[in-house]
Amino acid sequence: MFCIPKAAVLHGKSVGFAAQKSRFRNAKAQLSLFKRIIFTKLKGFIENLP
């Protein structure tokens, strides 16, 4: 009797963790891209100083 609801709850939790992990991975990728853009622009700015 309790097996079916428990399985459904556990499945819901694993889906929630997977979504959370996916969001974290996406944020991490965007952060590295953001850092690359900033450092590239900063490097160009420093090279153009008189």
C-alpha atoms as a PDB file:
ATOM      1  CA  MET A   1       0.000   0.000   0.000  1.00  0.00           C
ATOM      2  CA  PHE A   2       2.748   2.473   0.861  1.00  0.00           C
ATOM      3  CA  CYS A   3       5.117   1.414  -1.931  1.00  0.00           C
ATOM      4  CA  ILE A   4       3.418   3.310  -4.760  1.00  0.00           C
ATOM      5  CA  PRO A   5       3.220   6.757  -3.081  1.00  0.00           C
ATOM      6  CA  LYS A   6       6.772   6.364  -1.750  1.00  0.00           C
ATOM      7  CA  ALA A   7       8.063   5.554  -5.239  1.00  0.00           C
ATOM      8  CA  ALA A   8       6.240   8.578  -6.653  1.00  0.00           C
ATOM      9  CA  VAL A   9       7.722  10.860  -3.993  1.00  0.00           C
ATOM     10  CA  LEU A  10      11.228   9.527  -4.561  1.00  0.00           C
ATOM     11  CA  HIS A  11      10.835   9.959  -8.318  1.00  0.00           C
ATOM     12  CA  GLY A  12       9.704  13.551  -7.765  1.00  0.00           C
ATOM     13  CA  LYS A  13      12.733  14.241  -5.589  1.00  0.00           C
ATOM     14  CA  SER A  14      15.171  12.803  -8.129  1.00  0.00           C
ATOM     15  CA  VAL A  15      13.595  14.896 -10.889  1.00  0.00           C
ATOM     16  CA  GLY A  16      13.935  17.976  -8.673  1.00  0.00           C
ATOM     17  CA  PHE A  17      17.598  17.256  -8.008  1.00  0.00           C
ATOM     18  CA  ALA A  18      18.260  16.658 -11.707  1.00  0.00           C
ATOM     19  CA  ALA A  19      16.677  20.004 -12.584  1.00  0.00           C
ATOM     20  CA  GLN A  20      18.685  21.734  -9.873  1.00  0.00           C
ATOM     21  CA  LYS A  21      21.914  20.143 -11.108  1.00  0.00           C
ATOM     22  CA  SER A  22      21.088  21.184 -14.669  1.00  0.00           C
ATOM     23  CA  ARG A  23      20.476  24.798 -13.610  1.00  0.00           C
ATOM     24  CA  PHE A  24      23.753  24.843 -11.684  1.00  0.00           C
ATOM     25  CA  ARG A  25      25.624  23.458 -14.702  1.00  0.00           C
ATOM     26  CA  ASN A  26      24.057  26.112 -16.971  1.00  0.00           C
ATOM     27  CA  ALA A  27      24.910  28.906 -14.527  1.00  0.00           C
ATOM     28  CA  LYS A  28      28.483  27.631 -14.264  1.00  0.00           C
ATOM     29  CA  ALA A  29      28.841  27.612 -18.074  1.00  0.00           C
ATOM     30  CA  GLN A  30      27.429  31.131 -18.331  1.00  0.00           C
ATOM     31  CA  LEU A  31      29.794  32.346 -15.614  1.00  0.00           C
ATOM     32  CA  SER A  32      32.844  31.023 -17.464  1.00  0.00           C
ATOM     33  CA  LEU A  33      31.609  32.669 -20.685  1.00  0.00           C
ATOM     34  CA  PHE A  34      31.032  35.943 -18.806  1.00  0.00           C
ATOM     35  CA  LYS A  35      34.561  35.797 -17.343  1.00  0.00           C
ATOM     36  CA  ARG A  36      36.031  35.186 -20.806  1.00  0.00           C
ATOM     37  CA  ILE A  37      34.186  38.209 -22.239  1.00  0.00           C
ATOM     38  CA  ILE A  38      35.265  40.471 -19.366  1.00  0.00           C
ATOM     39  CA  PHE A  39      38.924  39.434 -19.544  1.00  0.00           C
ATOM     40  CA  THR A  40      38.970  39.784 -23.341  1.00  0.00           C
ATOM     41  CA  LYS A  41      37.540  43.298 -23.129  1.00  0.00           C
ATOM     42  CA  LEU A  42      39.894  44.188 -20.283  1.00  0.00           C
ATOM     43  CA  LYS A  43      42.881  42.891 -22.239  1.00  0.00           C
ATOM     44  CA  GLY A  44      41.858  44.997 -25.261  1.00  0.00           C
ATOM     45  CA  PHE A  45      41.430  48.058 -23.039  1.00  0.00           C
ATOM     46  CA  ILE A  46      44.894  47.646 -21.479  1.00  0.00           C
ATOM     47  CA  GLU A  47      46.532  47.197 -24.902  1.00  0.00           C
ATOM     48  CA  ASN A  48      44.948  50.455 -26.124  1.00  0.00           C
ATOM     49  CA  LEU A  49      46.263  52.555 -23.233  1.00  0.00           C
ATOM     50  CA  PRO A  50      48.823  55.209 -24.300  1.00  0.00           C
END
